[in-house]
Amino acid sequence: MAALVKLSELSVGASAVVREYPKTGNAALRLREMGLLVGTSIKLVRLAPFGDPIEIKVRGYHLTLRKSEAAEVVVEVLES
């Protein structure tokens, strides 16, 4: 089994699959509305100069998340 890490800890260029995210709160609703659901494949595209925000590619588009939001999402890192 691949490693489970927080999305905020993913390396640039790494691909992963969402395994868990917050069940309640504004962040959970926002993430669901943007298509970041359990089982969704993502790729970390880049980090801002100070590491916040982060840009991921999900479902064919680029999405920017605050690092605090990304810290609430658990992903399974895919082997390259």
Protein backbone atom coordinates (compact mmCIF):
# COMPACT_ATOMS: atom_id res chain seq x y z
CA MET A 1 0.00 0.00 0.00
CA ALA A 2 1.24 3.47 -0.86
CA ALA A 3 1.88 6.11 1.77
CA LEU A 4 -0.96 8.22 3.15
CA VAL A 5 0.00 11.88 3.65
CA LYS A 6 -1.69 15.23 3.95
CA LEU A 7 -2.14 17.04 0.65
CA SER A 8 -0.13 19.92 2.09
CA GLU A 9 2.88 17.56 2.45
CA LEU A 10 2.83 16.30 -1.16
CA SER A 11 5.90 17.04 -3.31
CA VAL A 12 5.63 19.14 -6.47
CA GLY A 13 4.94 16.89 -9.45
CA ALA A 14 3.61 14.04 -7.31
CA SER A 15 0.33 12.34 -8.15
CA ALA A 16 -2.10 11.05 -5.55
CA VAL A 17 -5.65 9.89 -4.92
CA VAL A 18 -7.87 11.59 -2.33
CA ARG A 19 -8.65 9.16 0.49
CA GLU A 20 -10.22 11.39 3.16
CA TYR A 21 -11.28 15.00 3.66
CA PRO A 22 -13.24 16.92 6.28
CA LYS A 23 -16.81 15.72 6.67
CA THR A 24 -18.24 18.98 7.99
CA GLY A 25 -17.60 22.70 7.85
CA ASN A 26 -17.07 25.28 5.15
CA ALA A 27 -13.91 23.64 3.85
CA ALA A 28 -15.69 20.32 3.27
CA LEU A 29 -18.48 21.96 1.31
CA ARG A 30 -16.06 24.03 -0.76
CA LEU A 31 -13.88 21.00 -1.58
CA ARG A 32 -16.90 18.90 -2.64
CA GLU A 33 -18.25 21.70 -4.83
CA MET A 34 -14.88 21.89 -6.61
CA GLY A 35 -14.87 18.14 -7.33
CA LEU A 36 -12.29 17.07 -4.76
CA LEU A 37 -13.99 13.85 -3.65
CA VAL A 38 -12.69 10.58 -2.21
CA GLY A 39 -11.20 8.54 -5.05
CA THR A 40 -10.35 11.58 -7.19
CA SER A 41 -6.88 11.63 -8.79
CA ILE A 42 -4.84 14.80 -8.33
CA LYS A 43 -1.38 16.10 -9.17
CA LEU A 44 0.47 18.83 -7.28
CA VAL A 45 1.45 21.35 -9.95
CA ARG A 46 3.27 24.03 -7.95
CA LEU A 47 3.62 25.96 -4.71
CA ALA A 48 3.57 29.72 -4.27
CA PRO A 49 6.97 31.23 -3.33
CA PHE A 50 6.27 30.95 0.40
CA GLY A 51 4.43 27.62 0.09
CA ASP A 52 0.91 29.02 0.36
CA PRO A 53 -1.30 28.59 -1.63
CA ILE A 54 -0.75 25.36 -3.55
CA GLU A 55 -1.95 24.55 -7.06
CA ILE A 56 -3.25 21.09 -7.95
CA LYS A 57 -4.65 19.59 -11.13
CA VAL A 58 -7.95 17.83 -10.53
CA ARG A 59 -10.52 16.61 -13.06
CA GLY A 60 -8.74 18.41 -15.92
CA TYR A 61 -8.51 21.86 -14.35
CA HIS A 62 -6.13 23.70 -12.03
CA LEU A 63 -7.33 24.44 -8.51
CA THR A 64 -5.64 26.62 -5.92
CA LEU A 65 -6.05 25.76 -2.23
CA ARG A 66 -4.84 27.37 0.94
CA LYS A 67 -2.26 25.26 2.72
CA SER A 68 -4.57 25.07 5.76
CA GLU A 69 -7.32 23.54 3.57
CA ALA A 70 -4.86 21.12 1.98
CA ALA A 71 -3.72 20.02 5.45
CA GLU A 72 -7.21 18.61 6.06
CA VAL A 73 -7.14 16.35 2.98
CA VAL A 74 -5.49 12.91 3.23
CA VAL A 75 -4.15 11.48 -0.02
CA GLU A 76 -2.53 8.23 -1.11
CA VAL A 77 0.67 8.92 -3.03
CA LEU A 78 0.89 7.09 -6.34
CA GLU A 79 4.16 5.52 -7.38
CA SER A 80 5.66 7.18 -10.46
